[in-house]
């Protein structure tokens, strides 16, 4: 299986390997979870519903930002690769 096929089928998940390996990220995620739980325990049911809607919107925003960054990074990598091949061919001529 090729790398592109692995990526397509979900066998490669770049942000997951980052999350697992990054100690600071894991710490911040844990801290956020603990503080969110403390906050949630003080809210009314209506406030909890509002917080859940807020969380959904934030998650959707983060997903869009991650997708945009991934697409830009992938495109930039392809352009750099194409340019480097083009430069190499020019130098050889």
N, C-alpha and C. Protein backbone atom coordinates (compact mmCIF):
# COMPACT_ATOMS: atom_id res chain seq x y z
N UNK A 1 0.86 -1.18 0.00
CA UNK A 1 0.00 0.00 0.00
C UNK A 1 0.91 1.24 0.00
N UNK A 2 0.52 2.24 -0.77
CA UNK A 2 1.30 3.46 -0.85
C UNK A 2 0.96 4.40 0.31
N UNK A 3 1.79 5.39 0.50
CA UNK A 3 1.54 6.38 1.55
C UNK A 3 0.23 7.12 1.30
N UNK A 4 -0.03 7.46 0.03
CA UNK A 4 -1.28 8.14 -0.28
C UNK A 4 -2.49 7.26 0.00
N UNK A 5 -2.37 5.97 -0.28
CA UNK A 5 -3.47 5.04 0.04
C UNK A 5 -3.66 4.94 1.56
N UNK A 6 -2.56 4.86 2.30
CA UNK A 6 -2.66 4.83 3.76
C UNK A 6 -3.35 6.08 4.28
N UNK A 7 -3.01 7.23 3.71
CA UNK A 7 -3.62 8.48 4.11
C UNK A 7 -5.11 8.47 3.78
N UNK A 8 -5.46 8.01 2.58
CA UNK A 8 -6.86 7.95 2.15
C UNK A 8 -7.69 7.04 3.05
N UNK A 9 -7.17 5.88 3.38
CA UNK A 9 -7.91 4.90 4.18
C UNK A 9 -7.84 5.18 5.68
N UNK A 10 -7.17 6.26 6.06
CA UNK A 10 -7.13 6.63 7.47
C UNK A 10 -6.09 5.88 8.29
N UNK A 11 -5.17 5.19 7.62
CA UNK A 11 -4.12 4.47 8.34
C UNK A 11 -3.04 5.42 8.85
N UNK A 12 -3.00 6.61 8.29
CA UNK A 12 -2.07 7.64 8.73
C UNK A 12 -2.91 8.81 9.24
N UNK A 13 -2.65 9.21 10.44
CA UNK A 13 -3.36 10.33 11.04
C UNK A 13 -2.32 11.26 11.65
N UNK A 14 -1.82 12.22 10.86
CA UNK A 14 -0.70 13.05 11.29
C UNK A 14 -0.91 13.76 12.62
N UNK A 15 -2.11 14.28 12.87
CA UNK A 15 -2.28 15.02 14.11
C UNK A 15 -2.34 14.10 15.33
N UNK A 16 -2.76 12.84 15.16
CA UNK A 16 -2.77 11.92 16.29
C UNK A 16 -1.36 11.60 16.77
N UNK A 17 -0.44 11.37 15.85
CA UNK A 17 0.93 11.06 16.28
C UNK A 17 1.55 12.28 16.96
N UNK A 18 1.18 13.47 16.53
CA UNK A 18 1.65 14.68 17.18
C UNK A 18 1.12 14.74 18.61
N UNK A 19 -0.16 14.47 18.76
CA UNK A 19 -0.78 14.56 20.08
C UNK A 19 -0.17 13.56 21.05
N UNK A 20 0.07 12.36 20.59
CA UNK A 20 0.61 11.32 21.45
C UNK A 20 2.02 11.67 21.91
N UNK A 21 2.81 12.24 21.04
CA UNK A 21 4.22 12.48 21.33
C UNK A 21 4.48 13.81 22.02
N UNK A 22 3.56 14.74 21.98
CA UNK A 22 3.81 16.07 22.50
C UNK A 22 3.34 16.19 23.95
N UNK A 23 4.29 16.22 24.87
CA UNK A 23 3.99 16.25 26.30
C UNK A 23 3.24 17.52 26.68
N UNK A 24 3.65 18.67 26.14
CA UNK A 24 2.99 19.93 26.46
C UNK A 24 1.53 19.92 26.01
N UNK A 25 1.29 19.37 24.83
CA UNK A 25 -0.07 19.30 24.31
C UNK A 25 -0.93 18.41 25.21
N UNK A 26 -0.39 17.25 25.60
CA UNK A 26 -1.15 16.34 26.49
C UNK A 26 -1.47 17.02 27.81
N UNK A 27 -0.49 17.76 28.35
CA UNK A 27 -0.70 18.45 29.62
C UNK A 27 -1.82 19.49 29.49
N UNK A 28 -1.76 20.30 28.43
CA UNK A 28 -2.78 21.32 28.23
C UNK A 28 -4.16 20.71 28.00
N UNK A 29 -4.22 19.63 27.27
CA UNK A 29 -5.50 18.95 27.05
C UNK A 29 -6.08 18.44 28.36
N UNK A 30 -5.23 17.87 29.20
CA UNK A 30 -5.67 17.39 30.51
C UNK A 30 -6.16 18.55 31.38
N UNK A 31 -5.41 19.63 31.38
CA UNK A 31 -5.79 20.81 32.16
C UNK A 31 -7.13 21.38 31.68
N UNK A 32 -7.31 21.44 30.38
CA UNK A 32 -8.58 21.92 29.83
C UNK A 32 -9.73 21.03 30.28
N UNK A 33 -9.53 19.72 30.22
CA UNK A 33 -10.58 18.79 30.62
C UNK A 33 -10.96 18.93 32.08
N UNK A 34 -9.96 19.05 32.94
CA UNK A 34 -10.24 19.21 34.38
C UNK A 34 -11.00 20.49 34.65
N UNK A 35 -10.56 21.59 34.03
CA UNK A 35 -11.23 22.87 34.26
C UNK A 35 -12.62 22.91 33.66
N UNK A 36 -12.80 22.25 32.52
CA UNK A 36 -14.13 22.20 31.92
C UNK A 36 -15.08 21.42 32.82
N UNK A 37 -14.60 20.30 33.37
CA UNK A 37 -15.43 19.51 34.29
C UNK A 37 -15.83 20.32 35.52
N UNK A 38 -14.88 21.08 36.09
CA UNK A 38 -15.19 21.92 37.25
C UNK A 38 -16.26 22.95 36.89
N UNK A 39 -16.10 23.58 35.74
CA UNK A 39 -17.07 24.58 35.29
C UNK A 39 -18.43 23.95 35.07
N UNK A 40 -18.44 22.83 34.39
CA UNK A 40 -19.70 22.16 34.06
C UNK A 40 -20.47 21.77 35.32
N UNK A 41 -19.77 21.41 36.36
CA UNK A 41 -20.42 21.00 37.62
C UNK A 41 -21.14 22.16 38.30
N UNK A 42 -20.82 23.40 37.93
CA UNK A 42 -21.45 24.57 38.56
C UNK A 42 -22.58 25.14 37.72
N UNK A 43 -22.83 24.58 36.56
CA UNK A 43 -23.81 25.15 35.64
C UNK A 43 -25.18 24.52 35.78
N UNK A 44 -26.20 25.29 35.41
CA UNK A 44 -27.55 24.75 35.32
C UNK A 44 -27.65 23.91 34.04
N UNK A 45 -28.73 23.20 33.89
CA UNK A 45 -28.92 22.39 32.68
C UNK A 45 -28.96 23.25 31.43
N UNK A 46 -29.61 24.40 31.51
CA UNK A 46 -29.68 25.30 30.36
C UNK A 46 -28.29 25.83 30.02
N UNK A 47 -27.51 26.17 31.03
CA UNK A 47 -26.15 26.65 30.79
C UNK A 47 -25.27 25.54 30.21
N UNK A 48 -25.49 24.30 30.66
CA UNK A 48 -24.74 23.16 30.12
C UNK A 48 -25.06 22.97 28.64
N UNK A 49 -26.32 23.16 28.26
CA UNK A 49 -26.70 23.07 26.85
C UNK A 49 -26.00 24.14 26.03
N UNK A 50 -25.94 25.35 26.56
CA UNK A 50 -25.24 26.44 25.87
C UNK A 50 -23.76 26.13 25.74
N UNK A 51 -23.16 25.59 26.79
CA UNK A 51 -21.75 25.22 26.75
C UNK A 51 -21.51 24.12 25.72
N UNK A 52 -22.42 23.15 25.64
CA UNK A 52 -22.29 22.07 24.65
C UNK A 52 -22.35 22.63 23.23
N UNK A 53 -23.25 23.58 22.99
CA UNK A 53 -23.34 24.21 21.67
C UNK A 53 -22.07 24.99 21.36
N UNK A 54 -21.55 25.67 22.36
CA UNK A 54 -20.28 26.40 22.20
C UNK A 54 -19.16 25.43 21.85
N UNK A 55 -19.08 24.32 22.59
CA UNK A 55 -18.06 23.30 22.33
C UNK A 55 -18.17 22.77 20.90
N UNK A 56 -19.40 22.52 20.45
CA UNK A 56 -19.60 22.03 19.08
C UNK A 56 -19.08 23.03 18.05
N UNK A 57 -19.38 24.31 18.27
CA UNK A 57 -18.93 25.35 17.34
C UNK A 57 -17.40 25.46 17.34
N UNK A 58 -16.80 25.40 18.52
CA UNK A 58 -15.34 25.47 18.63
C UNK A 58 -14.70 24.26 17.94
N UNK A 59 -15.27 23.08 18.15
CA UNK A 59 -14.74 21.87 17.50
C UNK A 59 -14.85 21.96 15.98
N UNK A 60 -15.96 22.48 15.49
CA UNK A 60 -16.13 22.63 14.05
C UNK A 60 -15.12 23.64 13.49
N UNK A 61 -14.92 24.73 14.21
CA UNK A 61 -13.95 25.74 13.81
C UNK A 61 -12.54 25.15 13.77
N UNK A 62 -12.17 24.39 14.79
CA UNK A 62 -10.85 23.76 14.82
C UNK A 62 -10.69 22.75 13.69
N UNK A 63 -11.74 22.01 13.40
CA UNK A 63 -11.67 21.04 12.29
C UNK A 63 -11.44 21.75 10.96
N UNK A 64 -12.14 22.85 10.74
CA UNK A 64 -11.96 23.60 9.50
C UNK A 64 -10.55 24.18 9.42
N UNK A 65 -10.04 24.69 10.54
CA UNK A 65 -8.69 25.25 10.56
C UNK A 65 -7.65 24.17 10.30
N UNK A 66 -7.83 22.99 10.90
CA UNK A 66 -6.89 21.88 10.67
C UNK A 66 -6.92 21.43 9.23
N UNK A 67 -8.11 21.33 8.65
CA UNK A 67 -8.24 20.93 7.25
C UNK A 67 -7.55 21.95 6.35
N UNK A 68 -7.79 23.22 6.60
CA UNK A 68 -7.19 24.27 5.80
C UNK A 68 -5.66 24.21 5.90
N UNK A 69 -5.14 24.04 7.10
CA UNK A 69 -3.69 23.96 7.28
C UNK A 69 -3.11 22.73 6.59
N UNK A 70 -3.83 21.60 6.67
CA UNK A 70 -3.38 20.37 6.03
C UNK A 70 -3.33 20.55 4.51
N UNK A 71 -4.40 21.10 3.94
CA UNK A 71 -4.46 21.29 2.50
C UNK A 71 -3.37 22.25 2.03
N UNK A 72 -3.18 23.33 2.77
CA UNK A 72 -2.14 24.29 2.40
C UNK A 72 -0.75 23.64 2.50
N UNK A 73 -0.51 22.91 3.58
CA UNK A 73 0.79 22.25 3.75
C UNK A 73 1.05 21.22 2.66
N UNK A 74 0.04 20.45 2.32
CA UNK A 74 0.19 19.45 1.27
C UNK A 74 0.49 20.12 -0.07
N UNK A 75 -0.26 21.17 -0.38
CA UNK A 75 -0.06 21.90 -1.62
C UNK A 75 1.32 22.56 -1.66
N UNK A 76 1.73 23.14 -0.55
CA UNK A 76 3.05 23.76 -0.48
C UNK A 76 4.16 22.72 -0.69
N UNK A 77 4.00 21.56 -0.09
CA UNK A 77 4.98 20.49 -0.27
C UNK A 77 5.10 20.06 -1.72
N UNK A 78 3.97 19.93 -2.39
CA UNK A 78 3.97 19.55 -3.80
C UNK A 78 4.65 20.64 -4.64
N UNK A 79 4.33 21.90 -4.36
CA UNK A 79 4.96 22.99 -5.11
C UNK A 79 6.47 23.02 -4.89
N UNK A 80 6.90 22.79 -3.65
CA UNK A 80 8.34 22.77 -3.36
C UNK A 80 9.02 21.61 -4.08
N UNK A 81 8.37 20.46 -4.08
CA UNK A 81 8.93 19.30 -4.75
C UNK A 81 9.02 19.55 -6.26
N UNK A 82 7.97 20.11 -6.84
CA UNK A 82 7.95 20.41 -8.26
C UNK A 82 9.04 21.43 -8.60
N UNK A 83 9.17 22.44 -7.77
CA UNK A 83 10.19 23.46 -8.00
C UNK A 83 11.59 22.88 -7.90
N UNK A 84 11.80 22.01 -6.92
CA UNK A 84 13.14 21.44 -6.76
C UNK A 84 13.51 20.56 -7.95
N UNK A 85 12.55 19.83 -8.50
CA UNK A 85 12.80 19.02 -9.69
C UNK A 85 13.08 19.93 -10.87
N UNK A 86 12.31 21.00 -10.98
CA UNK A 86 12.50 21.96 -12.07
C UNK A 86 13.88 22.61 -12.00
N UNK A 87 14.30 22.98 -10.81
CA UNK A 87 15.63 23.59 -10.62
C UNK A 87 16.72 22.58 -10.98
N UNK A 88 16.53 21.34 -10.54
CA UNK A 88 17.52 20.31 -10.81
C UNK A 88 17.67 20.07 -12.32
N UNK A 89 16.54 20.06 -13.03
CA UNK A 89 16.58 19.85 -14.48
C UNK A 89 17.25 21.03 -15.18
N UNK A 90 16.98 22.25 -14.71
CA UNK A 90 17.58 23.45 -15.29
C UNK A 90 19.09 23.46 -15.10
N UNK A 91 19.54 23.06 -13.92
CA UNK A 91 20.98 23.05 -13.62
C UNK A 91 21.70 22.01 -14.49
N UNK A 92 21.06 20.88 -14.75
CA UNK A 92 21.69 19.83 -15.54
C UNK A 92 21.78 20.18 -17.01
N UNK A 93 20.90 21.04 -17.49
CA UNK A 93 20.89 21.39 -18.92
C UNK A 93 21.98 22.30 -19.20
